[in-house]
Amino acid sequence: MLDELLGRASLKARIDELEEENERLQKRYEAESDRRAEAATARQDVEAEVNRLEDRIAQLEGELERVGDDETGLEVRRREQLRGSRLAEVVDRLTSFRTGPEGALTAVVGEDGLAGLQDEVDVDLEDVLGERVALVDDAAPCVVCADDAGLISVTLEPPVHLDGDHRVGWGDQFALEREWFLPTGRYALALVRADLFALGIYDGDERVDYRGFDSDVKGSHSKGGFSQARFERIRDDQIDAHLERCVDALEYVPDDVERLFVVGQRGVVGTLVDDAGLEPAGTAAVDATGDPKPALEDAHRSFWTTDLRVL
């Protein structure tokens, strides 16, 4: 009664209406924030899955192209992932092969396949392998070993980068070097992810020194006040700061290290190599998860693996 007489009843009713409207808008805002957070998280999960599968896609692209373009339906006779003692045994067996002068052909095939070889070597491969020379393109980059009697015709995918200075051509044995495929000498292997870095110094297979660290990098969108764009900017800044730490850590590599290899998350590896101005002896995308030290062990094992194809 008093509120009505003083004219406060209508004001209280209006306050109630505004409070209800405010509550409704707050719920709408929270629902929209949750939706954006879920969308951002889903997007990041997809990006992580894409990174993990890109290597597999790259391996299959050549085969898919061949199926679409090649009516012969050629397939390798056998394929095997070699590492450790098994890899050493196969390399030793190939290097022990002897034939007459100009009876064994060794050809280093780069990323661009047969198109990057000298014309005479390309012709030699076609003469030796016939139509199965198309399988060499599928295996590139690789080293081809074939003899003129057709007893041996294989490709090996080396983990290290091979350039034009390596021997290509005919001889009385295959011109393979153990350091192309096996961990030899004193070298460094660096593993880099968007949130992790590990560096091992090795003498052959044995790790003689190590350092590694994790960085605080957001892995999923925070539900609440951060917009997706702001969240991604923060994450990008955190990754940039992490890569700066990685570049600084690479200064720890001793001067007596003969070769440096950089492996890890696709894209992140290339960024680190560019930022540090490196010219590594080999790079690779590897799926090494977990804490720095065990992840480095997985990366080392994965990197020193060779794909053997019997043509």
C-alpha atoms as a PDB file:
ATOM      1  CA  MET A   1       0.000   0.000   0.000  1.00  0.00           C
ATOM      2  CA  LEU A   2       2.764   2.427   0.991  1.00  0.00           C
ATOM      3  CA  ASP A   3       4.761   1.582  -2.169  1.00  0.00           C
ATOM      4  CA  GLU A   4       1.727   2.263  -4.323  1.00  0.00           C
ATOM      5  CA  LEU A   5       1.073   5.569  -2.573  1.00  0.00           C
ATOM      6  CA  LEU A   6       4.715   6.638  -3.024  1.00  0.00           C
ATOM      7  CA  GLY A   7       4.852   5.430  -6.627  1.00  0.00           C
ATOM      8  CA  ARG A   8       7.504   2.785  -5.911  1.00  0.00           C
ATOM      9  CA  ALA A   9       5.454  -0.237  -6.977  1.00  0.00           C
ATOM     10  CA  SER A  10       5.972   0.415 -10.686  1.00  0.00           C
ATOM     11  CA  LEU A  11       9.688   0.981 -10.113  1.00  0.00           C
ATOM     12  CA  LYS A  12      10.047  -2.322  -8.274  1.00  0.00           C
ATOM     13  CA  ALA A  13       8.173  -4.103 -11.061  1.00  0.00           C
ATOM     14  CA  ARG A  14      10.537  -2.540 -13.585  1.00  0.00           C
ATOM     15  CA  ILE A  15      13.530  -3.605 -11.508  1.00  0.00           C
ATOM     16  CA  ASP A  16      12.231  -7.187 -11.466  1.00  0.00           C
ATOM     17  CA  GLU A  17      11.803  -7.083 -15.250  1.00  0.00           C
ATOM     18  CA  LEU A  18      15.322  -5.762 -15.743  1.00  0.00           C
ATOM     19  CA  GLU A  19      16.784  -8.366 -13.410  1.00  0.00           C
ATOM     20  CA  GLU A  20      15.029 -11.121 -15.354  1.00  0.00           C
ATOM     21  CA  GLU A  21      16.295  -9.631 -18.646  1.00  0.00           C
ATOM     22  CA  ASN A  22      19.802  -9.372 -17.203  1.00  0.00           C
ATOM     23  CA  GLU A  23      19.716 -13.012 -16.078  1.00  0.00           C
ATOM     24  CA  ARG A  24      18.471 -14.099 -19.500  1.00  0.00           C
ATOM     25  CA  LEU A  25      21.252 -12.181 -21.268  1.00  0.00           C
ATOM     26  CA  GLN A  26      23.839 -13.551 -18.829  1.00  0.00           C
ATOM     27  CA  LYS A  27      22.741 -17.128 -19.590  1.00  0.00           C
ATOM     28  CA  ARG A  28      22.828 -16.355 -23.300  1.00  0.00           C
ATOM     29  CA  TYR A  29      26.336 -14.922 -22.964  1.00  0.00           C
ATOM     30  CA  GLU A  30      27.542 -17.953 -20.997  1.00  0.00           C
ATOM     31  CA  ALA A  31      26.015 -20.317 -23.562  1.00  0.00           C
ATOM     32  CA  GLU A  32      27.708 -18.416 -26.399  1.00  0.00           C
ATOM     33  CA  SER A  33      31.039 -18.467 -24.539  1.00  0.00           C
ATOM     34  CA  ASP A  34      30.716 -22.209 -24.002  1.00  0.00           C
ATOM     35  CA  ARG A  35      29.862 -22.725 -27.670  1.00  0.00           C
ATOM     36  CA  ARG A  36      32.892 -20.747 -28.809  1.00  0.00           C
ATOM     37  CA  ALA A  37      35.133 -22.555 -26.344  1.00  0.00           C
ATOM     38  CA  GLU A  38      33.908 -25.932 -27.543  1.00  0.00           C
ATOM     39  CA  ALA A  39      34.377 -24.871 -31.160  1.00  0.00           C
ATOM     40  CA  ALA A  40      37.925 -23.681 -30.453  1.00  0.00           C
ATOM     41  CA  THR A  41      38.774 -26.873 -28.587  1.00  0.00           C
ATOM     42  CA  ALA A  42      37.365 -28.966 -31.407  1.00  0.00           C
ATOM     43  CA  ARG A  43      39.388 -26.975 -33.914  1.00  0.00           C
ATOM     44  CA  GLN A  44      42.599 -27.500 -31.938  1.00  0.00           C
ATOM     45  CA  ASP A  45      41.897 -31.215 -31.629  1.00  0.00           C
ATOM     46  CA  VAL A  46      41.435 -31.395 -35.379  1.00  0.00           C
ATOM     47  CA  GLU A  47      44.683 -29.485 -35.981  1.00  0.00           C
ATOM     48  CA  ALA A  48      46.555 -31.870 -33.700  1.00  0.00           C
ATOM     49  CA  GLU A  49      45.093 -34.845 -35.533  1.00  0.00           C
ATOM     50  CA  VAL A  50      46.044 -33.277 -38.869  1.00  0.00           C
ATOM     51  CA  ASN A  51      49.642 -32.831 -37.701  1.00  0.00           C
ATOM     52  CA  ARG A  52      49.796 -36.436 -36.549  1.00  0.00           C
ATOM     53  CA  LEU A  53      48.394 -37.815 -39.795  1.00  0.00           C
ATOM     54  CA  GLU A  54      50.287 -35.627 -42.275  1.00  0.00           C
ATOM     55  CA  ASP A  55      53.239 -37.985 -42.315  1.00  0.00           C
ATOM     56  CA  ARG A  56      51.001 -40.927 -43.099  1.00  0.00           C
ATOM     57  CA  ILE A  57      49.260 -38.920 -45.806  1.00  0.00           C
ATOM     58  CA  ALA A  58      52.602 -38.038 -47.381  1.00  0.00           C
ATOM     59  CA  GLN A  59      53.537 -41.722 -47.470  1.00  0.00           C
ATOM     60  CA  LEU A  60      50.284 -42.653 -49.161  1.00  0.00           C
ATOM     61  CA  GLU A  61      50.158 -39.825 -51.707  1.00  0.00           C
ATOM     62  CA  GLY A  62      52.597 -41.483 -54.069  1.00  0.00           C
ATOM     63  CA  GLU A  63      50.700 -44.746 -53.932  1.00  0.00           C
ATOM     64  CA  LEU A  64      47.365 -43.023 -54.526  1.00  0.00           C
ATOM     65  CA  GLU A  65      48.743 -41.127 -57.516  1.00  0.00           C
ATOM     66  CA  ARG A  66      50.156 -44.314 -58.961  1.00  0.00           C
ATOM     67  CA  VAL A  67      46.837 -46.115 -58.564  1.00  0.00           C
ATOM     68  CA  GLY A  68      45.113 -43.275 -60.407  1.00  0.00           C
ATOM     69  CA  ASP A  69      47.682 -42.826 -63.170  1.00  0.00           C
ATOM     70  CA  ASP A  70      49.359 -46.197 -63.593  1.00  0.00           C
ATOM     71  CA  GLU A  71      47.307 -48.964 -65.188  1.00  0.00           C
ATOM     72  CA  THR A  72      49.992 -51.598 -64.595  1.00  0.00           C
ATOM     73  CA  GLY A  73      49.115 -51.896 -60.906  1.00  0.00           C
ATOM     74  CA  LEU A  74      52.775 -52.228 -59.887  1.00  0.00           C
ATOM     75  CA  GLU A  75      53.510 -52.970 -56.243  1.00  0.00           C
ATOM     76  CA  VAL A  76      56.703 -53.518 -54.316  1.00  0.00           C
ATOM     77  CA  ARG A  77      57.454 -57.160 -53.606  1.00  0.00           C
ATOM     78  CA  ARG A  78      58.207 -56.507 -49.940  1.00  0.00           C
ATOM     79  CA  ARG A  79      58.440 -53.598 -47.562  1.00  0.00           C
ATOM     80  CA  GLU A  80      60.049 -53.508 -44.116  1.00  0.00           C
ATOM     81  CA  GLN A  81      60.900 -50.931 -41.464  1.00  0.00           C
ATOM     82  CA  LEU A  82      64.520 -51.500 -40.433  1.00  0.00           C
ATOM     83  CA  ARG A  83      66.285 -50.261 -37.309  1.00  0.00           C
ATOM     84  CA  GLY A  84      69.066 -51.271 -34.963  1.00  0.00           C
ATOM     85  CA  SER A  85      70.881 -54.550 -35.554  1.00  0.00           C
ATOM     86  CA  ARG A  86      68.512 -55.576 -38.343  1.00  0.00           C
ATOM     87  CA  LEU A  87      69.260 -52.378 -40.257  1.00  0.00           C
ATOM     88  CA  ALA A  88      73.007 -52.802 -39.718  1.00  0.00           C
ATOM     89  CA  GLU A  89      72.774 -56.369 -41.008  1.00  0.00           C
ATOM     90  CA  VAL A  90      70.988 -55.317 -44.204  1.00  0.00           C
ATOM     91  CA  VAL A  91      73.410 -52.444 -44.882  1.00  0.00           C
ATOM     92  CA  ASP A  92      76.390 -54.766 -44.325  1.00  0.00           C
ATOM     93  CA  ARG A  93      74.882 -57.362 -46.650  1.00  0.00           C
ATOM     94  CA  LEU A  94      74.387 -54.818 -49.421  1.00  0.00           C
ATOM     95  CA  THR A  95      77.889 -53.345 -49.041  1.00  0.00           C
ATOM     96  CA  SER A  96      79.410 -56.843 -49.112  1.00  0.00           C
ATOM     97  CA  PHE A  97      77.881 -57.544 -52.527  1.00  0.00           C
ATOM     98  CA  ARG A  98      80.536 -57.781 -55.257  1.00  0.00           C
ATOM     99  CA  THR A  99      80.146 -57.993 -58.986  1.00  0.00           C
ATOM    100  CA  GLY A 100      82.151 -57.289 -62.122  1.00  0.00           C
ATOM    101  CA  PRO A 101      83.156 -53.766 -63.140  1.00  0.00           C
ATOM    102  CA  GLU A 102      80.126 -51.527 -63.717  1.00  0.00           C
ATOM    103  CA  GLY A 103      77.750 -54.226 -62.480  1.00  0.00           C
ATOM    104  CA  ALA A 104      76.220 -52.464 -59.447  1.00  0.00           C
ATOM    105  CA  LEU A 105      74.217 -49.245 -59.746  1.00  0.00           C
ATOM    106  CA  THR A 106      73.732 -46.866 -56.800  1.00  0.00           C
ATOM    107  CA  ALA A 107      71.501 -43.829 -57.291  1.00  0.00           C
ATOM    108  CA  VAL A 108      70.554 -41.162 -54.748  1.00  0.00           C
ATOM    109  CA  VAL A 109      67.020 -39.967 -55.581  1.00  0.00           C
ATOM    110  CA  GLY A 110      65.868 -36.705 -54.001  1.00  0.00           C
ATOM    111  CA  GLU A 111      62.462 -35.285 -53.100  1.00  0.00           C
ATOM    112  CA  ASP A 112      61.683 -34.579 -56.759  1.00  0.00           C
ATOM    113  CA  GLY A 113      62.148 -38.223 -57.738  1.00  0.00           C
ATOM    114  CA  LEU A 114      63.582 -39.369 -61.024  1.00  0.00           C
ATOM    115  CA  ALA A 115      63.149 -35.886 -62.483  1.00  0.00           C
ATOM    116  CA  GLY A 116      66.075 -34.720 -60.364  1.00  0.00           C
ATOM    117  CA  LEU A 117      68.536 -37.351 -61.607  1.00  0.00           C
ATOM    118  CA  GLN A 118      71.029 -36.923 -64.361  1.00  0.00           C
ATOM    119  CA  ASP A 119      69.657 -38.131 -67.705  1.00  0.00           C
ATOM    120  CA  GLU A 120      72.168 -40.947 -68.048  1.00  0.00           C
ATOM    121  CA  VAL A 121      71.414 -42.292 -64.568  1.00  0.00           C
ATOM    122  CA  ASP A 122      67.681 -42.103 -65.246  1.00  0.00           C
ATOM    123  CA  VAL A 123      68.177 -44.115 -68.437  1.00  0.00           C
ATOM    124  CA  ASP A 124      70.316 -46.663 -66.560  1.00  0.00           C
ATOM    125  CA  LEU A 125      67.575 -47.166 -63.989  1.00  0.00           C
ATOM    126  CA  GLU A 126      64.976 -47.707 -66.689  1.00  0.00           C
ATOM    127  CA  ASP A 127      67.260 -50.208 -68.435  1.00  0.00           C
ATOM    128  CA  VAL A 128      67.802 -52.142 -65.210  1.00  0.00           C
ATOM    129  CA  LEU A 129      64.326 -51.918 -63.627  1.00  0.00           C
ATOM    130  CA  GLY A 130      62.094 -51.634 -66.677  1.00  0.00           C
ATOM    131  CA  GLU A 131      58.544 -50.566 -65.851  1.00  0.00           C
ATOM    132  CA  ARG A 132      59.269 -51.047 -62.147  1.00  0.00           C
ATOM    133  CA  VAL A 133      61.305 -47.836 -62.246  1.00  0.00           C
ATOM    134  CA  ALA A 134      57.983 -46.114 -61.431  1.00  0.00           C
ATOM    135  CA  LEU A 135      58.246 -47.592 -57.935  1.00  0.00           C
ATOM    136  CA  VAL A 136      61.393 -45.543 -57.351  1.00  0.00           C
ATOM    137  CA  ASP A 137      59.400 -42.315 -57.656  1.00  0.00           C
ATOM    138  CA  ASP A 138      56.964 -43.647 -55.039  1.00  0.00           C
ATOM    139  CA  ALA A 139      59.848 -44.296 -52.622  1.00  0.00           C
ATOM    140  CA  ALA A 140      61.643 -40.950 -53.115  1.00  0.00           C
ATOM    141  CA  PRO A 141      63.651 -39.618 -51.410  1.00  0.00           C
ATOM    142  CA  CYS A 142      65.666 -42.814 -51.349  1.00  0.00           C
ATOM    143  CA  VAL A 143      68.841 -44.636 -52.337  1.00  0.00           C
ATOM    144  CA  VAL A 144      68.451 -47.225 -55.112  1.00  0.00           C
ATOM    145  CA  CYS A 145      70.633 -50.334 -55.263  1.00  0.00           C
ATOM    146  CA  ALA A 146      70.272 -52.518 -58.369  1.00  0.00           C
ATOM    147  CA  ASP A 147      72.578 -54.872 -60.258  1.00  0.00           C
ATOM    148  CA  ASP A 148      72.708 -55.568 -63.970  1.00  0.00           C
ATOM    149  CA  ALA A 149      71.738 -59.235 -63.477  1.00  0.00           C
ATOM    150  CA  GLY A 150      68.479 -58.384 -61.741  1.00  0.00           C
ATOM    151  CA  LEU A 151      69.439 -60.177 -58.533  1.00  0.00           C
ATOM    152  CA  ILE A 152      69.071 -57.097 -56.356  1.00  0.00           C
ATOM    153  CA  SER A 153      66.706 -54.150 -56.770  1.00  0.00           C
ATOM    154  CA  VAL A 154      65.860 -52.271 -53.578  1.00  0.00           C
ATOM    155  CA  THR A 155      65.313 -48.759 -52.278  1.00  0.00           C
ATOM    156  CA  LEU A 156      66.291 -47.522 -48.826  1.00  0.00           C
ATOM    157  CA  GLU A 157      64.989 -44.292 -47.311  1.00  0.00           C
ATOM    158  CA  PRO A 158      67.866 -42.715 -45.354  1.00  0.00           C
ATOM    159  CA  PRO A 159      67.105 -40.468 -42.369  1.00  0.00           C
ATOM    160  CA  VAL A 160      69.906 -38.037 -43.263  1.00  0.00           C
ATOM    161  CA  HIS A 161      69.865 -35.493 -46.083  1.00  0.00           C
ATOM    162  CA  LEU A 162      71.919 -36.615 -49.092  1.00  0.00           C
ATOM    163  CA  ASP A 163      73.102 -34.036 -51.601  1.00  0.00           C
ATOM    164  CA  GLY A 164      74.694 -34.139 -55.034  1.00  0.00           C
ATOM    165  CA  ASP A 165      78.170 -34.721 -53.607  1.00  0.00           C
ATOM    166  CA  HIS A 166      77.378 -38.353 -52.911  1.00  0.00           C
ATOM    167  CA  ARG A 167      78.344 -40.985 -55.431  1.00  0.00           C
ATOM    168  CA  VAL A 168      75.801 -41.888 -58.073  1.00  0.00           C
ATOM    169  CA  GLY A 169      76.554 -44.389 -60.780  1.00  0.00           C
ATOM    170  CA  TRP A 170      77.978 -47.802 -61.601  1.00  0.00           C
ATOM    171  CA  GLY A 171      80.714 -49.740 -59.802  1.00  0.00           C
ATOM    172  CA  ASP A 172      81.725 -53.215 -58.706  1.00  0.00           C
ATOM    173  CA  GLN A 173      79.798 -52.749 -55.431  1.00  0.00           C
ATOM    174  CA  PHE A 174      77.014 -50.576 -54.028  1.00  0.00           C
ATOM    175  CA  ALA A 175      78.272 -47.159 -52.882  1.00  0.00           C
ATOM    176  CA  LEU A 176      76.550 -47.031 -49.485  1.00  0.00           C
ATOM    177  CA  GLU A 177      77.836 -45.304 -46.365  1.00  0.00           C
ATOM    178  CA  ARG A 178      76.858 -46.565 -42.909  1.00  0.00           C
ATOM    179  CA  GLU A 179      76.451 -42.980 -41.677  1.00  0.00           C
ATOM    180  CA  TRP A 180      73.587 -42.508 -44.129  1.00  0.00           C
ATOM    181  CA  PHE A 181      71.445 -45.007 -42.208  1.00  0.00           C
ATOM    182  CA  LEU A 182      73.005 -45.746 -38.827  1.00  0.00           C
ATOM    183  CA  PRO A 183      73.844 -43.579 -35.808  1.00  0.00           C
ATOM    184  CA  THR A 184      77.618 -43.199 -36.041  1.00  0.00           C
ATOM    185  CA  GLY A 185      80.138 -40.782 -34.572  1.00  0.00           C
ATOM    186  CA  ARG A 186      79.257 -37.934 -32.234  1.00  0.00           C
ATOM    187  CA  TYR A 187      76.018 -36.142 -33.069  1.00  0.00           C
ATOM    188  CA  ALA A 188      73.115 -34.218 -31.540  1.00  0.00           C
ATOM    189  CA  LEU A 189      69.412 -34.976 -31.887  1.00  0.00           C
ATOM    190  CA  ALA A 190      66.949 -32.215 -30.966  1.00  0.00           C
ATOM    191  CA  LEU A 191      63.244 -32.921 -30.453  1.00  0.00           C
ATOM    192  CA  VAL A 192      60.893 -29.940 -30.624  1.00  0.00           C
ATOM    193  CA  ARG A 193      57.147 -29.661 -30.116  1.00  0.00           C
ATOM    194  CA  ALA A 194      55.019 -26.579 -29.550  1.00  0.00           C
ATOM    195  CA  ASP A 195      55.333 -27.132 -25.790  1.00  0.00           C
ATOM    196  CA  LEU A 196      58.435 -29.320 -25.369  1.00  0.00           C
ATOM    197  CA  PHE A 197      62.140 -29.434 -26.186  1.00  0.00           C
ATOM    198  CA  ALA A 198      64.702 -32.168 -25.636  1.00  0.00           C
ATOM    199  CA  LEU A 199      68.314 -32.338 -26.775  1.00  0.00           C
ATOM    200  CA  GLY A 200      70.501 -35.406 -26.658  1.00  0.00           C
ATOM    201  CA  ILE A 201      74.221 -35.660 -27.388  1.00  0.00           C
ATOM    202  CA  TYR A 202      75.111 -39.112 -28.667  1.00  0.00           C
ATOM    203  CA  ASP A 203      78.142 -41.221 -29.362  1.00  0.00           C
ATOM    204  CA  GLY A 204      76.785 -43.829 -31.735  1.00  0.00           C
ATOM    205  CA  ASP A 205      73.721 -45.331 -30.069  1.00  0.00           C
ATOM    206  CA  GLU A 206      74.673 -44.130 -26.598  1.00  0.00           C
ATOM    207  CA  ARG A 207      73.342 -40.861 -25.215  1.00  0.00           C
ATOM    208  CA  VAL A 208      76.140 -39.123 -23.308  1.00  0.00           C
ATOM    209  CA  ASP A 209      74.387 -35.870 -22.407  1.00  0.00           C
ATOM    210  CA  TYR A 210      70.867 -34.498 -22.213  1.00  0.00           C
ATOM    211  CA  ARG A 211      68.791 -31.444 -21.464  1.00  0.00           C
ATOM    212  CA  GLY A 212      65.100 -30.814 -21.899  1.00  0.00           C
ATOM    213  CA  PHE A 213      62.153 -28.773 -20.698  1.00  0.00           C
ATOM    214  CA  ASP A 214      58.428 -28.179 -20.994  1.00  0.00           C
ATOM    215  CA  SER A 215      56.821 -24.801 -21.599  1.00  0.00           C
ATOM    216  CA  ASP A 216      53.426 -23.596 -20.406  1.00  0.00           C
ATOM    217  CA  VAL A 217      51.438 -23.459 -23.649  1.00  0.00           C
ATOM    218  CA  LYS A 218      47.649 -23.404 -23.654  1.00  0.00           C
ATOM    219  CA  GLY A 219      46.303 -26.604 -25.118  1.00  0.00           C
ATOM    220  CA  SER A 220      42.561 -25.915 -25.167  1.00  0.00           C
ATOM    221  CA  HIS A 221      40.295 -22.892 -25.109  1.00  0.00           C
ATOM    222  CA  SER A 222      39.428 -21.540 -21.647  1.00  0.00           C
ATOM    223  CA  LYS A 223      35.719 -21.468 -20.946  1.00  0.00           C
ATOM    224  CA  GLY A 224      34.674 -18.038 -19.755  1.00  0.00           C
ATOM    225  CA  GLY A 225      35.862 -14.564 -20.526  1.00  0.00           C
ATOM    226  CA  PHE A 226      38.488 -15.150 -23.259  1.00  0.00           C
ATOM    227  CA  SER A 227      37.378 -14.834 -26.842  1.00  0.00           C
ATOM    228  CA  GLN A 228      38.735 -17.357 -29.310  1.00  0.00           C
ATOM    229  CA  ALA A 229      40.875 -14.770 -31.112  1.00  0.00           C
ATOM    230  CA  ARG A 230      42.420 -13.532 -27.863  1.00  0.00           C
ATOM    231  CA  PHE A 231      43.044 -17.099 -26.703  1.00  0.00           C
ATOM    232  CA  GLU A 232      44.834 -17.957 -29.953  1.00  0.00           C
ATOM    233  CA  ARG A 233      46.974 -14.814 -29.740  1.00  0.00           C
ATOM    234  CA  ILE A 234      48.033 -15.764 -26.232  1.00  0.00           C
ATOM    235  CA  ARG A 235      48.826 -19.322 -27.351  1.00  0.00           C
ATOM    236  CA  ASP A 236      50.847 -18.076 -30.350  1.00  0.00           C
ATOM    237  CA  ASP A 237      52.838 -15.775 -28.047  1.00  0.00           C
ATOM    238  CA  GLN A 238      53.513 -18.682 -25.699  1.00  0.00           C
ATOM    239  CA  ILE A 239      54.736 -20.842 -28.590  1.00  0.00           C
ATOM    240  CA  ASP A 240      56.997 -18.024 -29.825  1.00  0.00           C
ATOM    241  CA  ALA A 241      58.487 -17.688 -26.343  1.00  0.00           C
ATOM    242  CA  HIS A 242      58.970 -21.468 -26.200  1.00  0.00           C
ATOM    243  CA  LEU A 243      60.798 -21.486 -29.546  1.00  0.00           C
ATOM    244  CA  GLU A 244      63.082 -18.709 -28.314  1.00  0.00           C
ATOM    245  CA  ARG A 245      64.014 -20.967 -25.387  1.00  0.00           C
ATOM    246  CA  CYS A 246      64.664 -23.785 -27.855  1.00  0.00           C
ATOM    247  CA  VAL A 247      66.972 -21.602 -29.968  1.00  0.00           C
ATOM    248  CA  ASP A 248      68.903 -20.638 -26.820  1.00  0.00           C
ATOM    249  CA  ALA A 249      69.157 -24.298 -25.776  1.00  0.00           C
ATOM    250  CA  LEU A 250      70.715 -25.239 -29.110  1.00  0.00           C
ATOM    251  CA  GLU A 251      73.705 -23.101 -28.204  1.00  0.00           C
ATOM    252  CA  TYR A 252      74.479 -25.870 -25.726  1.00  0.00           C
ATOM    253  CA  VAL A 253      75.493 -28.211 -28.583  1.00  0.00           C
ATOM    254  CA  PRO A 254      79.263 -28.812 -28.163  1.00  0.00           C
ATOM    255  CA  ASP A 255      81.678 -27.792 -30.905  1.00  0.00           C
ATOM    256  CA  ASP A 256      82.900 -31.363 -31.347  1.00  0.00           C
ATOM    257  CA  VAL A 257      79.458 -32.582 -32.471  1.00  0.00           C
ATOM    258  CA  GLU A 258      79.745 -33.733 -36.081  1.00  0.00           C
ATOM    259  CA  ARG A 259      76.078 -33.635 -37.090  1.00  0.00           C
ATOM    260  CA  LEU A 260      72.855 -32.090 -35.816  1.00  0.00           C
ATOM    261  CA  PHE A 261      69.430 -33.608 -36.480  1.00  0.00           C
ATOM    262  CA  VAL A 262      66.138 -31.840 -35.695  1.00  0.00           C
ATOM    263  CA  VAL A 263      62.903 -33.812 -35.391  1.00  0.00           C
ATOM    264  CA  GLY A 264      59.453 -33.312 -33.938  1.00  0.00           C
ATOM    265  CA  GLN A 265      56.145 -31.656 -34.752  1.00  0.00           C
ATOM    266  CA  ARG A 266      55.677 -30.797 -38.406  1.00  0.00           C
ATOM    267  CA  GLY A 267      55.823 -27.030 -38.978  1.00  0.00           C
ATOM    268  CA  VAL A 268      57.436 -26.405 -35.598  1.00  0.00           C
ATOM    269  CA  VAL A 269      60.625 -28.136 -36.804  1.00  0.00           C
ATOM    270  CA  GLY A 270      60.854 -25.870 -39.850  1.00  0.00           C
ATOM    271  CA  THR A 271      60.217 -22.763 -37.763  1.00  0.00           C
ATOM    272  CA  LEU A 272      62.957 -23.670 -35.292  1.00  0.00           C
ATOM    273  CA  VAL A 273      65.441 -24.426 -38.074  1.00  0.00           C
ATOM    274  CA  ASP A 274      64.712 -21.051 -39.688  1.00  0.00           C
ATOM    275  CA  ASP A 275      64.750 -19.079 -36.426  1.00  0.00           C
ATOM    276  CA  ALA A 276      68.070 -20.599 -35.343  1.00  0.00           C
ATOM    277  CA  GLY A 277      69.625 -20.337 -38.813  1.00  0.00           C
ATOM    278  CA  LEU A 278      70.432 -24.061 -38.771  1.00  0.00           C
ATOM    279  CA  GLU A 279      71.554 -26.368 -41.560  1.00  0.00           C
ATOM    280  CA  PRO A 280      70.813 -29.740 -39.957  1.00  0.00           C
ATOM    281  CA  ALA A 281      72.103 -32.992 -41.423  1.00  0.00           C
ATOM    282  CA  GLY A 282      68.564 -34.354 -41.244  1.00  0.00           C
ATOM    283  CA  THR A 283      65.026 -33.420 -40.209  1.00  0.00           C
ATOM    284  CA  ALA A 284      61.890 -35.475 -39.755  1.00  0.00           C
ATOM    285  CA  ALA A 285      58.352 -35.266 -38.407  1.00  0.00           C
ATOM    286  CA  VAL A 286      57.960 -37.785 -35.590  1.00  0.00           C
ATOM    287  CA  ASP A 287      55.058 -38.576 -33.277  1.00  0.00           C
ATOM    288  CA  ALA A 288      56.918 -38.495 -29.950  1.00  0.00           C
ATOM    289  CA  THR A 289      54.642 -37.822 -26.984  1.00  0.00           C
ATOM    290  CA  GLY A 290      55.118 -37.691 -23.237  1.00  0.00           C
ATOM    291  CA  ASP A 291      57.744 -36.024 -21.074  1.00  0.00           C
ATOM    292  CA  PRO A 292      60.979 -34.713 -22.615  1.00  0.00           C
ATOM    293  CA  LYS A 293      63.358 -37.585 -21.818  1.00  0.00           C
ATOM    294  CA  PRO A 294      61.140 -40.558 -22.846  1.00  0.00           C
ATOM    295  CA  ALA A 295      59.880 -38.548 -25.833  1.00  0.00           C
ATOM    296  CA  LEU A 296      63.483 -38.053 -26.937  1.00  0.00           C
ATOM    297  CA  GLU A 297      64.086 -41.807 -26.711  1.00  0.00           C
ATOM    298  CA  ASP A 298      61.035 -42.465 -28.919  1.00  0.00           C
ATOM    299  CA  ALA A 299      62.136 -39.781 -31.376  1.00  0.00           C
ATOM    300  CA  HIS A 300      65.657 -41.212 -31.583  1.00  0.00           C
ATOM    301  CA  ARG A 301      64.310 -44.679 -32.294  1.00  0.00           C
ATOM    302  CA  SER A 302      61.854 -43.377 -34.884  1.00  0.00           C
ATOM    303  CA  PHE A 303      64.417 -41.177 -36.635  1.00  0.00           C
ATOM    304  CA  TRP A 304      66.986 -43.957 -37.057  1.00  0.00           C
ATOM    305  CA  THR A 305      64.523 -46.152 -38.935  1.00  0.00           C
ATOM    306  CA  THR A 306      64.892 -46.926 -42.625  1.00  0.00           C
ATOM    307  CA  ASP A 307      62.127 -47.939 -45.008  1.00  0.00           C
ATOM    308  CA  LEU A 308      63.291 -50.837 -47.215  1.00  0.00           C
ATOM    309  CA  ARG A 309      61.379 -51.649 -50.393  1.00  0.00           C
ATOM    310  CA  VAL A 310      62.141 -54.620 -52.597  1.00  0.00           C
ATOM    311  CA  LEU A 311      61.143 -53.571 -56.114  1.00  0.00           C
END
